[in-house]
Amino acid sequence: MTRVWGLGQIRWRRYRPFNVSKVRKQGTNMSASTATTSSTEVSDKNLQSMDDSHLFRVGPLQAMRLLESFSPLITTRNTNDYLTISLRLDIDTRRKSVRGVCHLPHGLKTNTKLLVFCSDFDAAEMIEAGADFAGMNDLLQRIGKGWTGFDRCIATPAVMSQVMKVAKVLGPRKLMPNPKSGTLVTDLKKAIVEAKSGTLLEYRTLETEPVVTVRIGSISASMNSNLDNVKFFVREILKQKSRQVSSAGSGGDEATGGRLTTVGGISMIPDIEKLNRLMNIKRKAQQQSEGPAAAKGLFIQSAYLQLGNEDGPKVDLDPELILPSSPAYYR
């Protein structure tokens, strides 16, 4: 049956005038939410695509000034005020490493305990020259029992046959004398003076990461001396790049200069152009994944200066501004 509403108006079903508007509002809300979602996705993509160049990075001089502002806090806590520099390099630690010894232009205040392996007759002379421990038989017995109360030990090649008796103790602690670390020397007195003056700096990359971290100065020293040490150390690290390239180049000539032999015994000359093209494609993809510093071909990918221990304040450095030719050392 039909229902009669007013004057001749017939309706077969109940009229709901707000249905359309609700659908429209829902559609508007859906479009707004879709727009919000899309904008959020775009912002997330922008954040993901944002490279490290947007981070706060400064030059060495500005970093020193920023860290100097924290020096009152360091002195009140009675902690060390030394400066540490850390560099991340563009190398593969599975195949190569960076390691060496250099002499800084300005010495560091250090409390390094030095042990000298020498004959027992020369022990008193070495202690007068500045060594903390010197001798042979007594020291070998103490080290064999697990004693390592020293930070650095030096020796001459003539006594290395006796020092090898405690290699199991010194080796895992990286205290074994060797020429790469500047601890296997011919002139013991000169090595003692260099070690005690604080100018001798030994550096090496970590076993798992291409990171070199060394102590480079202190807040109590003058800013010019700290900047000179930073510039000198960066120049020393860049020398390692040329050594890596020269070694890689010599290895590549040996690998591509001869013939390649397959399992079947067929020798063939490789297509050098195709090989170089594939290597360039792989290199570009690796540079894009590693960031802008790698894309620019910089050997030093990132760096920072830190004051005090691991919990101290840290300032990120621009890899381009720490180059020795950069004006950031003066302004």
C-alpha atoms as a PDB file:
ATOM      1  CA  MET A   1       0.000   0.000   0.000  1.00  0.00           C
ATOM      2  CA  THR A   2       1.046   3.487  -0.620  1.00  0.00           C
ATOM      3  CA  ARG A   3       1.085   6.278   1.808  1.00  0.00           C
ATOM      4  CA  VAL A   4      -0.404   9.675   1.085  1.00  0.00           C
ATOM      5  CA  TRP A   5       1.640  12.660   2.259  1.00  0.00           C
ATOM      6  CA  GLY A   6      -0.095  16.043   2.064  1.00  0.00           C
ATOM      7  CA  LEU A   7      -1.813  17.171  -1.099  1.00  0.00           C
ATOM      8  CA  GLY A   8      -1.507  14.420  -3.664  1.00  0.00           C
ATOM      9  CA  GLN A   9       2.170  13.564  -2.883  1.00  0.00           C
ATOM     10  CA  ILE A  10       2.819   9.832  -3.050  1.00  0.00           C
ATOM     11  CA  ARG A  11       6.060   8.242  -1.921  1.00  0.00           C
ATOM     12  CA  TRP A  12       6.816   4.571  -2.196  1.00  0.00           C
ATOM     13  CA  ARG A  13       9.710   4.573   0.253  1.00  0.00           C
ATOM     14  CA  ARG A  14      11.031   6.656   3.035  1.00  0.00           C
ATOM     15  CA  TYR A  15      13.009   9.616   1.761  1.00  0.00           C
ATOM     16  CA  ARG A  16      16.509  10.114   3.179  1.00  0.00           C
ATOM     17  CA  PRO A  17      17.799  13.455   1.963  1.00  0.00           C
ATOM     18  CA  PHE A  18      21.194  13.268   3.730  1.00  0.00           C
ATOM     19  CA  ASN A  19      22.466  10.083   2.079  1.00  0.00           C
ATOM     20  CA  VAL A  20      23.997  11.853  -0.897  1.00  0.00           C
ATOM     21  CA  SER A  21      25.636  14.499   1.205  1.00  0.00           C
ATOM     22  CA  LYS A  22      27.099  11.824   3.494  1.00  0.00           C
ATOM     23  CA  VAL A  23      28.522  10.019   0.493  1.00  0.00           C
ATOM     24  CA  ARG A  24      29.944  13.264  -0.770  1.00  0.00           C
ATOM     25  CA  LYS A  25      31.453  14.060   2.610  1.00  0.00           C
ATOM     26  CA  GLN A  26      32.880  10.583   2.785  1.00  0.00           C
ATOM     27  CA  GLY A  27      34.305  10.985  -0.682  1.00  0.00           C
ATOM     28  CA  THR A  28      35.803  14.321   0.302  1.00  0.00           C
ATOM     29  CA  ASN A  29      37.287  12.796   3.423  1.00  0.00           C
ATOM     30  CA  MET A  30      38.625   9.923   1.383  1.00  0.00           C
ATOM     31  CA  SER A  31      40.206  12.286  -1.106  1.00  0.00           C
ATOM     32  CA  ALA A  32      41.664  14.374   1.720  1.00  0.00           C
ATOM     33  CA  SER A  33      43.038  11.305   3.452  1.00  0.00           C
ATOM     34  CA  THR A  34      44.406  10.058   0.132  1.00  0.00           C
ATOM     35  CA  ALA A  35      46.060  13.421  -0.426  1.00  0.00           C
ATOM     36  CA  THR A  36      47.480  13.352   3.091  1.00  0.00           C
ATOM     37  CA  THR A  37      48.763   9.821   2.579  1.00  0.00           C
ATOM     38  CA  SER A  38      50.309  10.706  -0.741  1.00  0.00           C
ATOM     39  CA  SER A  39      51.933  13.808   0.719  1.00  0.00           C
ATOM     40  CA  THR A  40      53.263  11.734   3.619  1.00  0.00           C
ATOM     41  CA  GLU A  41      54.666   9.182   1.196  1.00  0.00           C
ATOM     42  CA  VAL A  42      56.303  11.952  -0.807  1.00  0.00           C
ATOM     43  CA  SER A  43      57.831  13.457   2.327  1.00  0.00           C
ATOM     44  CA  ASP A  44      59.081  10.025   3.404  1.00  0.00           C
ATOM     45  CA  LYS A  45      60.627   9.505  -0.012  1.00  0.00           C
ATOM     46  CA  ASN A  46      62.237  12.897   0.215  1.00  0.00           C
ATOM     47  CA  LEU A  47      63.646  12.043   3.640  1.00  0.00           C
ATOM     48  CA  GLN A  48      64.924   8.740   2.362  1.00  0.00           C
ATOM     49  CA  SER A  49      66.480  10.344  -0.708  1.00  0.00           C
ATOM     50  CA  MET A  50      68.051  13.121   1.373  1.00  0.00           C
ATOM     51  CA  ASP A  51      71.786  12.639   1.385  1.00  0.00           C
ATOM     52  CA  ASP A  52      74.331  13.480   4.024  1.00  0.00           C
ATOM     53  CA  SER A  53      75.010  16.899   2.504  1.00  0.00           C
ATOM     54  CA  HIS A  54      72.066  18.343   4.481  1.00  0.00           C
ATOM     55  CA  LEU A  55      73.739  17.479   7.789  1.00  0.00           C
ATOM     56  CA  PHE A  56      75.597  20.066   9.843  1.00  0.00           C
ATOM     57  CA  ARG A  57      79.227  19.764   8.813  1.00  0.00           C
ATOM     58  CA  VAL A  58      81.952  22.326   9.272  1.00  0.00           C
ATOM     59  CA  GLY A  59      85.642  22.818   8.639  1.00  0.00           C
ATOM     60  CA  PRO A  60      88.481  22.124  11.085  1.00  0.00           C
ATOM     61  CA  LEU A  61      88.717  25.692  12.425  1.00  0.00           C
ATOM     62  CA  GLN A  62      84.986  25.976  13.143  1.00  0.00           C
ATOM     63  CA  ALA A  63      84.987  22.509  14.720  1.00  0.00           C
ATOM     64  CA  MET A  64      87.823  23.534  17.042  1.00  0.00           C
ATOM     65  CA  ARG A  65      85.951  26.656  18.098  1.00  0.00           C
ATOM     66  CA  LEU A  66      82.789  24.663  18.776  1.00  0.00           C
ATOM     67  CA  LEU A  67      84.661  22.125  20.878  1.00  0.00           C
ATOM     68  CA  GLU A  68      86.429  24.871  22.816  1.00  0.00           C
ATOM     69  CA  SER A  69      83.051  25.993  24.128  1.00  0.00           C
ATOM     70  CA  PHE A  70      82.783  22.627  25.917  1.00  0.00           C
ATOM     71  CA  SER A  71      86.219  22.907  27.574  1.00  0.00           C
ATOM     72  CA  PRO A  72      84.857  24.373  30.883  1.00  0.00           C
ATOM     73  CA  LEU A  73      82.560  21.356  31.182  1.00  0.00           C
ATOM     74  CA  ILE A  74      85.473  18.990  30.585  1.00  0.00           C
ATOM     75  CA  THR A  75      87.702  20.665  33.163  1.00  0.00           C
ATOM     76  CA  THR A  76      85.009  20.608  35.843  1.00  0.00           C
ATOM     77  CA  ARG A  77      84.616  16.858  35.396  1.00  0.00           C
ATOM     78  CA  ASN A  78      88.392  16.318  35.649  1.00  0.00           C
ATOM     79  CA  THR A  79      88.434  14.269  32.450  1.00  0.00           C
ATOM     80  CA  ASN A  80      90.886  14.271  29.584  1.00  0.00           C
ATOM     81  CA  ASP A  81      90.803  17.275  27.269  1.00  0.00           C
ATOM     82  CA  TYR A  82      92.403  15.580  24.278  1.00  0.00           C
ATOM     83  CA  LEU A  83      91.048  15.824  20.743  1.00  0.00           C
ATOM     84  CA  THR A  84      90.349  12.735  18.675  1.00  0.00           C
ATOM     85  CA  ILE A  85      89.856  12.632  14.915  1.00  0.00           C
ATOM     86  CA  SER A  86      88.106   9.770  13.155  1.00  0.00           C
ATOM     87  CA  LEU A  87      88.161   9.210   9.387  1.00  0.00           C
ATOM     88  CA  ARG A  88      86.083   6.764   7.352  1.00  0.00           C
ATOM     89  CA  LEU A  89      87.974   5.756   4.201  1.00  0.00           C
ATOM     90  CA  ASP A  90      86.910   4.431   0.831  1.00  0.00           C
ATOM     91  CA  ILE A  91      88.533   0.997   1.051  1.00  0.00           C
ATOM     92  CA  ASP A  92      87.424  -2.601   1.384  1.00  0.00           C
ATOM     93  CA  THR A  93      88.764  -3.932   4.691  1.00  0.00           C
ATOM     94  CA  ARG A  94      88.358  -7.516   3.484  1.00  0.00           C
ATOM     95  CA  ARG A  95      91.147  -7.053   0.941  1.00  0.00           C
ATOM     96  CA  LYS A  96      93.276  -4.132   2.122  1.00  0.00           C
ATOM     97  CA  SER A  97      93.939  -1.936   5.123  1.00  0.00           C
ATOM     98  CA  VAL A  98      95.587   1.354   5.944  1.00  0.00           C
ATOM     99  CA  ARG A  99      98.367   1.295   8.496  1.00  0.00           C
ATOM    100  CA  GLY A 100     101.414   3.397   9.180  1.00  0.00           C
ATOM    101  CA  VAL A 101     103.457   5.619  11.465  1.00  0.00           C
ATOM    102  CA  CYS A 102     104.053   9.359  11.184  1.00  0.00           C
ATOM    103  CA  HIS A 103     105.634  12.137  13.226  1.00  0.00           C
ATOM    104  CA  LEU A 104     103.290  15.003  14.056  1.00  0.00           C
ATOM    105  CA  PRO A 105     104.652  18.542  13.802  1.00  0.00           C
ATOM    106  CA  HIS A 106     103.551  19.259  17.392  1.00  0.00           C
ATOM    107  CA  GLY A 107     103.942  16.741  20.193  1.00  0.00           C
ATOM    108  CA  LEU A 108     101.105  15.587  22.413  1.00  0.00           C
ATOM    109  CA  LYS A 109     101.106  15.401  26.178  1.00  0.00           C
ATOM    110  CA  THR A 110     101.154  11.683  26.811  1.00  0.00           C
ATOM    111  CA  ASN A 111     101.730   9.273  29.681  1.00  0.00           C
ATOM    112  CA  THR A 112     102.789   6.377  27.478  1.00  0.00           C
ATOM    113  CA  LYS A 113     104.529   3.613  29.400  1.00  0.00           C
ATOM    114  CA  LEU A 114     107.389   2.422  27.219  1.00  0.00           C
ATOM    115  CA  LEU A 115     109.120  -0.956  27.434  1.00  0.00           C
ATOM    116  CA  VAL A 116     112.449  -1.566  25.703  1.00  0.00           C
ATOM    117  CA  PHE A 117     113.725  -5.048  24.911  1.00  0.00           C
ATOM    118  CA  CYS A 118     117.502  -4.935  25.194  1.00  0.00           C
ATOM    119  CA  SER A 119     120.289  -6.763  26.942  1.00  0.00           C
ATOM    120  CA  ASP A 120     120.284  -6.602  30.723  1.00  0.00           C
ATOM    121  CA  PHE A 121     123.613  -4.747  30.629  1.00  0.00           C
ATOM    122  CA  ASP A 122     122.046  -1.843  28.657  1.00  0.00           C
ATOM    123  CA  ALA A 123     118.853  -1.676  30.762  1.00  0.00           C
ATOM    124  CA  ALA A 124     120.070   1.122  33.055  1.00  0.00           C
ATOM    125  CA  GLU A 125     121.157   3.228  30.075  1.00  0.00           C
ATOM    126  CA  MET A 126     117.751   2.872  28.403  1.00  0.00           C
ATOM    127  CA  ILE A 127     115.925   3.846  31.596  1.00  0.00           C
ATOM    128  CA  GLU A 128     118.091   6.962  31.823  1.00  0.00           C
ATOM    129  CA  ALA A 129     117.102   7.785  28.211  1.00  0.00           C
ATOM    130  CA  GLY A 130     113.436   7.785  29.233  1.00  0.00           C
ATOM    131  CA  ALA A 131     112.169   4.196  29.089  1.00  0.00           C
ATOM    132  CA  ASP A 132     109.850   2.983  31.842  1.00  0.00           C
ATOM    133  CA  PHE A 133     110.934  -0.664  31.628  1.00  0.00           C
ATOM    134  CA  ALA A 134     114.051  -2.120  30.026  1.00  0.00           C
ATOM    135  CA  GLY A 135     115.838  -5.449  29.984  1.00  0.00           C
ATOM    136  CA  MET A 136     115.235  -8.956  28.697  1.00  0.00           C
ATOM    137  CA  ASN A 137     115.121 -11.995  30.995  1.00  0.00           C
ATOM    138  CA  ASP A 138     113.112 -10.576  33.873  1.00  0.00           C
ATOM    139  CA  LEU A 139     110.648  -8.855  31.504  1.00  0.00           C
ATOM    140  CA  LEU A 140     110.144 -12.010  29.439  1.00  0.00           C
ATOM    141  CA  GLN A 141     109.260 -13.975  32.566  1.00  0.00           C
ATOM    142  CA  ARG A 142     106.747 -11.351  33.728  1.00  0.00           C
ATOM    143  CA  ILE A 143     105.135 -11.042  30.283  1.00  0.00           C
ATOM    144  CA  GLY A 144     104.972 -14.828  29.968  1.00  0.00           C
ATOM    145  CA  LYS A 145     102.840 -14.867  33.127  1.00  0.00           C
ATOM    146  CA  GLY A 146     100.406 -12.367  31.566  1.00  0.00           C
ATOM    147  CA  TRP A 147     101.788  -8.996  32.667  1.00  0.00           C
ATOM    148  CA  THR A 148     101.154  -6.149  30.198  1.00  0.00           C
ATOM    149  CA  GLY A 149     101.623  -3.023  32.263  1.00  0.00           C
ATOM    150  CA  PHE A 150     102.922  -0.943  29.349  1.00  0.00           C
ATOM    151  CA  ASP A 151     101.478   0.797  26.304  1.00  0.00           C
ATOM    152  CA  ARG A 152     104.257   0.360  23.762  1.00  0.00           C
ATOM    153  CA  CYS A 153     107.370  -1.775  23.443  1.00  0.00           C
ATOM    154  CA  ILE A 154     110.333  -1.411  21.096  1.00  0.00           C
ATOM    155  CA  ALA A 155     113.160  -3.729  20.180  1.00  0.00           C
ATOM    156  CA  THR A 156     115.998  -4.225  17.728  1.00  0.00           C
ATOM    157  CA  PRO A 157     116.116  -6.995  15.099  1.00  0.00           C
ATOM    158  CA  ALA A 158     118.990  -8.643  17.014  1.00  0.00           C
ATOM    159  CA  VAL A 159     116.790  -9.549  20.004  1.00  0.00           C
ATOM    160  CA  MET A 160     113.611 -10.509  18.156  1.00  0.00           C
ATOM    161  CA  SER A 161     114.425 -14.221  18.420  1.00  0.00           C
ATOM    162  CA  GLN A 162     114.082 -13.928  22.206  1.00  0.00           C
ATOM    163  CA  VAL A 163     111.029 -11.646  22.047  1.00  0.00           C
ATOM    164  CA  MET A 164     109.216 -14.276  19.953  1.00  0.00           C
ATOM    165  CA  LYS A 165     108.907 -16.366  23.113  1.00  0.00           C
ATOM    166  CA  VAL A 166     106.143 -14.061  24.362  1.00  0.00           C
ATOM    167  CA  ALA A 167     104.480 -13.518  20.965  1.00  0.00           C
ATOM    168  CA  LYS A 168     101.326 -15.281  22.193  1.00  0.00           C
ATOM    169  CA  VAL A 169     100.883 -12.589  24.833  1.00  0.00           C
ATOM    170  CA  LEU A 170     101.948  -9.522  22.850  1.00  0.00           C
ATOM    171  CA  GLY A 171     100.412 -10.459  19.495  1.00  0.00           C
ATOM    172  CA  PRO A 172      96.691 -10.439  20.432  1.00  0.00           C
ATOM    173  CA  ARG A 173      97.200  -7.109  22.237  1.00  0.00           C
ATOM    174  CA  LYS A 174      98.949  -5.597  19.190  1.00  0.00           C
ATOM    175  CA  LEU A 175     102.096  -4.919  21.192  1.00  0.00           C
ATOM    176  CA  MET A 176     104.481  -7.085  19.198  1.00  0.00           C
ATOM    177  CA  PRO A 177     107.394  -5.027  17.776  1.00  0.00           C
ATOM    178  CA  ASN A 178     107.261  -4.731  13.988  1.00  0.00           C
ATOM    179  CA  PRO A 179     108.610  -2.275  11.406  1.00  0.00           C
ATOM    180  CA  LYS A 180     105.155  -1.121  10.205  1.00  0.00           C
ATOM    181  CA  SER A 181     104.314   0.301  13.603  1.00  0.00           C
ATOM    182  CA  GLY A 182     107.761   1.843  14.087  1.00  0.00           C
ATOM    183  CA  THR A 183     108.572  -0.375  17.075  1.00  0.00           C
ATOM    184  CA  LEU A 184     111.279  -2.492  15.410  1.00  0.00           C
ATOM    185  CA  VAL A 185     114.170  -0.039  15.174  1.00  0.00           C
ATOM    186  CA  THR A 186     117.930   0.082  15.042  1.00  0.00           C
ATOM    187  CA  ASP A 187     118.471   3.158  17.233  1.00  0.00           C
ATOM    188  CA  LEU A 188     116.790   2.564  20.588  1.00  0.00           C
ATOM    189  CA  LYS A 189     117.624   5.928  22.144  1.00  0.00           C
ATOM    190  CA  LYS A 190     116.159   7.847  19.211  1.00  0.00           C
ATOM    191  CA  ALA A 191     113.011   5.701  19.313  1.00  0.00           C
ATOM    192  CA  ILE A 192     112.652   6.375  23.053  1.00  0.00           C
ATOM    193  CA  VAL A 193     112.847  10.135  22.549  1.00  0.00           C
ATOM    194  CA  GLU A 194     110.284  10.021  19.730  1.00  0.00           C
ATOM    195  CA  ALA A 195     107.868   7.876  21.732  1.00  0.00           C
ATOM    196  CA  LYS A 196     108.135  10.017  24.864  1.00  0.00           C
ATOM    197  CA  SER A 197     107.918  13.371  23.062  1.00  0.00           C
ATOM    198  CA  GLY A 198     104.432  12.583  21.765  1.00  0.00           C
ATOM    199  CA  THR A 199     105.196  13.273  18.090  1.00  0.00           C
ATOM    200  CA  LEU A 200     105.126   9.611  17.059  1.00  0.00           C
ATOM    201  CA  LEU A 201     101.652   8.605  15.892  1.00  0.00           C
ATOM    202  CA  GLU A 202     100.663   5.093  14.897  1.00  0.00           C
ATOM    203  CA  TYR A 203      97.401   4.584  12.998  1.00  0.00           C
ATOM    204  CA  ARG A 204      95.537   1.669  11.487  1.00  0.00           C
ATOM    205  CA  THR A 205      92.054   0.853  10.236  1.00  0.00           C
ATOM    206  CA  LEU A 206      89.731  -1.355  12.217  1.00  0.00           C
ATOM    207  CA  GLU A 207      89.391  -5.003  11.272  1.00  0.00           C
ATOM    208  CA  THR A 208      85.673  -4.705  10.529  1.00  0.00           C
ATOM    209  CA  GLU A 209      85.327  -1.091   9.333  1.00  0.00           C
ATOM    210  CA  PRO A 210      87.510   1.256   7.238  1.00  0.00           C
ATOM    211  CA  VAL A 211      87.779   3.726  10.134  1.00  0.00           C
ATOM    212  CA  VAL A 212      90.967   5.322  11.473  1.00  0.00           C
ATOM    213  CA  THR A 213      90.737   6.958  14.914  1.00  0.00           C
ATOM    214  CA  VAL A 214      93.716   8.677  16.537  1.00  0.00           C
ATOM    215  CA  ARG A 215      94.441  11.306  19.132  1.00  0.00           C
ATOM    216  CA  ILE A 216      95.453  14.483  17.323  1.00  0.00           C
ATOM    217  CA  GLY A 217      95.735  17.227  19.966  1.00  0.00           C
ATOM    218  CA  SER A 218      94.237  18.734  23.109  1.00  0.00           C
ATOM    219  CA  ILE A 219      92.197  21.776  24.063  1.00  0.00           C
ATOM    220  CA  SER A 220      94.957  22.961  26.385  1.00  0.00           C
ATOM    221  CA  ALA A 221      97.312  23.256  23.402  1.00  0.00           C
ATOM    222  CA  SER A 222      97.171  26.162  20.952  1.00  0.00           C
ATOM    223  CA  MET A 223      94.645  26.038  18.138  1.00  0.00           C
ATOM    224  CA  ASN A 224      97.353  26.508  15.495  1.00  0.00           C
ATOM    225  CA  SER A 225      99.222  23.418  16.671  1.00  0.00           C
ATOM    226  CA  ASN A 226      96.026  21.348  16.671  1.00  0.00           C
ATOM    227  CA  LEU A 227      95.141  22.507  13.150  1.00  0.00           C
ATOM    228  CA  ASP A 228      98.667  21.747  11.950  1.00  0.00           C
ATOM    229  CA  ASN A 229      98.393  18.231  13.346  1.00  0.00           C
ATOM    230  CA  VAL A 230      95.015  17.691  11.677  1.00  0.00           C
ATOM    231  CA  LYS A 231      96.264  18.910   8.305  1.00  0.00           C
ATOM    232  CA  PHE A 232      99.431  16.822   8.569  1.00  0.00           C
ATOM    233  CA  PHE A 233      97.495  13.672   9.461  1.00  0.00           C
ATOM    234  CA  VAL A 234      94.978  14.155   6.626  1.00  0.00           C
ATOM    235  CA  ARG A 235      97.872  14.604   4.199  1.00  0.00           C
ATOM    236  CA  GLU A 236      99.429  11.404   5.533  1.00  0.00           C
ATOM    237  CA  ILE A 237      96.177   9.488   5.009  1.00  0.00           C
ATOM    238  CA  LEU A 238      95.847  10.814   1.460  1.00  0.00           C
ATOM    239  CA  LYS A 239      99.318   9.442   0.721  1.00  0.00           C
ATOM    240  CA  GLN A 240      97.899   6.012   1.498  1.00  0.00           C
ATOM    241  CA  LYS A 241      95.395   6.516  -1.321  1.00  0.00           C
ATOM    242  CA  SER A 242      98.169   6.804  -3.910  1.00  0.00           C
ATOM    243  CA  ARG A 243      99.775   3.672  -2.482  1.00  0.00           C
ATOM    244  CA  GLN A 244      96.499   1.792  -2.712  1.00  0.00           C
ATOM    245  CA  VAL A 245      95.982   2.933  -6.305  1.00  0.00           C
ATOM    246  CA  SER A 246      99.538   2.048  -7.339  1.00  0.00           C
ATOM    247  CA  SER A 247      99.281  -1.423  -5.815  1.00  0.00           C
ATOM    248  CA  ALA A 248      95.888  -1.980  -7.430  1.00  0.00           C
ATOM    249  CA  GLY A 249      97.222  -0.752 -10.765  1.00  0.00           C
ATOM    250  CA  SER A 250     100.182  -3.110 -10.691  1.00  0.00           C
ATOM    251  CA  GLY A 251      97.928  -6.009  -9.784  1.00  0.00           C
ATOM    252  CA  GLY A 252      95.536  -5.121 -12.573  1.00  0.00           C
ATOM    253  CA  ASP A 253      98.315  -5.059 -15.172  1.00  0.00           C
ATOM    254  CA  GLU A 254      99.409  -8.517 -14.105  1.00  0.00           C
ATOM    255  CA  ALA A 255      95.859  -9.790 -14.234  1.00  0.00           C
ATOM    256  CA  THR A 256      94.935  -8.372 -17.657  1.00  0.00           C
ATOM    257  CA  GLY A 257      98.349  -8.326 -19.308  1.00  0.00           C
ATOM    258  CA  GLY A 258      98.517 -12.101 -19.814  1.00  0.00           C
ATOM    259  CA  ARG A 259      96.116 -14.629 -21.236  1.00  0.00           C
ATOM    260  CA  LEU A 260      93.157 -16.125 -19.436  1.00  0.00           C
ATOM    261  CA  THR A 261      93.028 -19.913 -19.404  1.00  0.00           C
ATOM    262  CA  THR A 262      89.688 -21.698 -19.125  1.00  0.00           C
ATOM    263  CA  VAL A 263      88.965 -25.150 -17.774  1.00  0.00           C
ATOM    264  CA  GLY A 264      89.120 -26.651 -21.226  1.00  0.00           C
ATOM    265  CA  GLY A 265      92.615 -25.342 -21.754  1.00  0.00           C
ATOM    266  CA  ILE A 266      91.556 -22.639 -24.245  1.00  0.00           C
ATOM    267  CA  SER A 267      93.433 -19.365 -23.766  1.00  0.00           C
ATOM    268  CA  MET A 268      91.862 -16.098 -24.824  1.00  0.00           C
ATOM    269  CA  ILE A 269      92.614 -12.377 -24.514  1.00  0.00           C
ATOM    270  CA  PRO A 270      89.927 -10.569 -22.465  1.00  0.00           C
ATOM    271  CA  ASP A 271      87.865  -7.738 -23.916  1.00  0.00           C
ATOM    272  CA  ILE A 272      89.411  -4.820 -22.008  1.00  0.00           C
ATOM    273  CA  GLU A 273      86.858  -2.254 -23.193  1.00  0.00           C
ATOM    274  CA  LYS A 274      83.922  -4.375 -22.092  1.00  0.00           C
ATOM    275  CA  LEU A 275      85.593  -5.122 -18.780  1.00  0.00           C
ATOM    276  CA  ASN A 276      86.249  -1.428 -18.123  1.00  0.00           C
ATOM    277  CA  ARG A 277      82.665  -0.566 -19.024  1.00  0.00           C
ATOM    278  CA  LEU A 278      81.304  -3.109 -16.564  1.00  0.00           C
ATOM    279  CA  MET A 279      83.667  -1.906 -13.853  1.00  0.00           C
ATOM    280  CA  ASN A 280      82.565   1.709 -14.396  1.00  0.00           C
ATOM    281  CA  ILE A 281      78.902   0.734 -14.092  1.00  0.00           C
ATOM    282  CA  LYS A 282      79.623  -1.150 -10.873  1.00  0.00           C
ATOM    283  CA  ARG A 283      81.682   1.747  -9.510  1.00  0.00           C
ATOM    284  CA  LYS A 284      78.934   4.305 -10.226  1.00  0.00           C
ATOM    285  CA  ALA A 285      76.300   2.134  -8.535  1.00  0.00           C
ATOM    286  CA  GLN A 286      78.521   1.712  -5.493  1.00  0.00           C
ATOM    287  CA  GLN A 287      79.181   5.452  -5.297  1.00  0.00           C
ATOM    288  CA  GLN A 288      75.472   6.271  -5.481  1.00  0.00           C
ATOM    289  CA  SER A 289      74.714   3.820  -2.674  1.00  0.00           C
ATOM    290  CA  GLU A 290      77.505   5.093  -0.431  1.00  0.00           C
ATOM    291  CA  GLY A 291      76.622   8.779  -0.615  1.00  0.00           C
ATOM    292  CA  PRO A 292      77.770  12.108  -2.058  1.00  0.00           C
ATOM    293  CA  ALA A 293      81.344  11.837  -0.783  1.00  0.00           C
ATOM    294  CA  ALA A 294      81.818   8.564  -2.647  1.00  0.00           C
ATOM    295  CA  ALA A 295      80.120   9.983  -5.742  1.00  0.00           C
ATOM    296  CA  LYS A 296      82.747  12.743  -5.806  1.00  0.00           C
ATOM    297  CA  GLY A 297      85.540  10.184  -5.599  1.00  0.00           C
ATOM    298  CA  LEU A 298      86.805  11.283  -2.178  1.00  0.00           C
ATOM    299  CA  PHE A 299      89.106   8.874  -0.370  1.00  0.00           C
ATOM    300  CA  ILE A 300      87.888  10.222   2.996  1.00  0.00           C
ATOM    301  CA  GLN A 301      84.142   9.541   3.107  1.00  0.00           C
ATOM    302  CA  SER A 302      83.322  11.156   6.455  1.00  0.00           C
ATOM    303  CA  ALA A 303      85.116  12.536   9.501  1.00  0.00           C
ATOM    304  CA  TYR A 304      84.516  14.006  12.925  1.00  0.00           C
ATOM    305  CA  LEU A 305      86.388  15.625  15.804  1.00  0.00           C
ATOM    306  CA  GLN A 306      85.631  14.567  19.361  1.00  0.00           C
ATOM    307  CA  LEU A 307      86.600  16.031  22.702  1.00  0.00           C
ATOM    308  CA  GLY A 308      87.448  13.747  25.618  1.00  0.00           C
ATOM    309  CA  ASN A 309      86.343  10.147  25.782  1.00  0.00           C
ATOM    310  CA  GLU A 310      83.691   8.307  23.753  1.00  0.00           C
ATOM    311  CA  ASP A 311      80.888  10.179  25.523  1.00  0.00           C
ATOM    312  CA  GLY A 312      82.369  13.600  24.812  1.00  0.00           C
ATOM    313  CA  PRO A 313      80.967  16.169  22.360  1.00  0.00           C
ATOM    314  CA  LYS A 314      81.485  15.420  18.685  1.00  0.00           C
ATOM    315  CA  VAL A 315      81.413  17.664  15.602  1.00  0.00           C
ATOM    316  CA  ASP A 316      81.068  16.262  12.075  1.00  0.00           C
ATOM    317  CA  LEU A 317      83.575  17.510   9.512  1.00  0.00           C
ATOM    318  CA  ASP A 318      82.994  18.093   5.828  1.00  0.00           C
ATOM    319  CA  PRO A 319      85.228  15.685   3.842  1.00  0.00           C
ATOM    320  CA  GLU A 320      85.996  18.418   1.303  1.00  0.00           C
ATOM    321  CA  LEU A 321      86.861  21.039   3.922  1.00  0.00           C
ATOM    322  CA  ILE A 322      89.479  18.897   5.672  1.00  0.00           C
ATOM    323  CA  LEU A 323      91.635  18.538   2.568  1.00  0.00           C
ATOM    324  CA  PRO A 324      95.078  20.150   3.015  1.00  0.00           C
ATOM    325  CA  SER A 325      94.330  22.706   0.273  1.00  0.00           C
ATOM    326  CA  SER A 326      91.072  23.799   1.905  1.00  0.00           C
ATOM    327  CA  PRO A 327      90.801  27.371   3.300  1.00  0.00           C
ATOM    328  CA  ALA A 328      88.736  26.011   6.223  1.00  0.00           C
ATOM    329  CA  TYR A 329      91.940  25.729   8.268  1.00  0.00           C
ATOM    330  CA  TYR A 330      92.190  29.541   8.365  1.00  0.00           C
ATOM    331  CA  ARG A 331      88.604  30.821   8.308  1.00  0.00           C
END
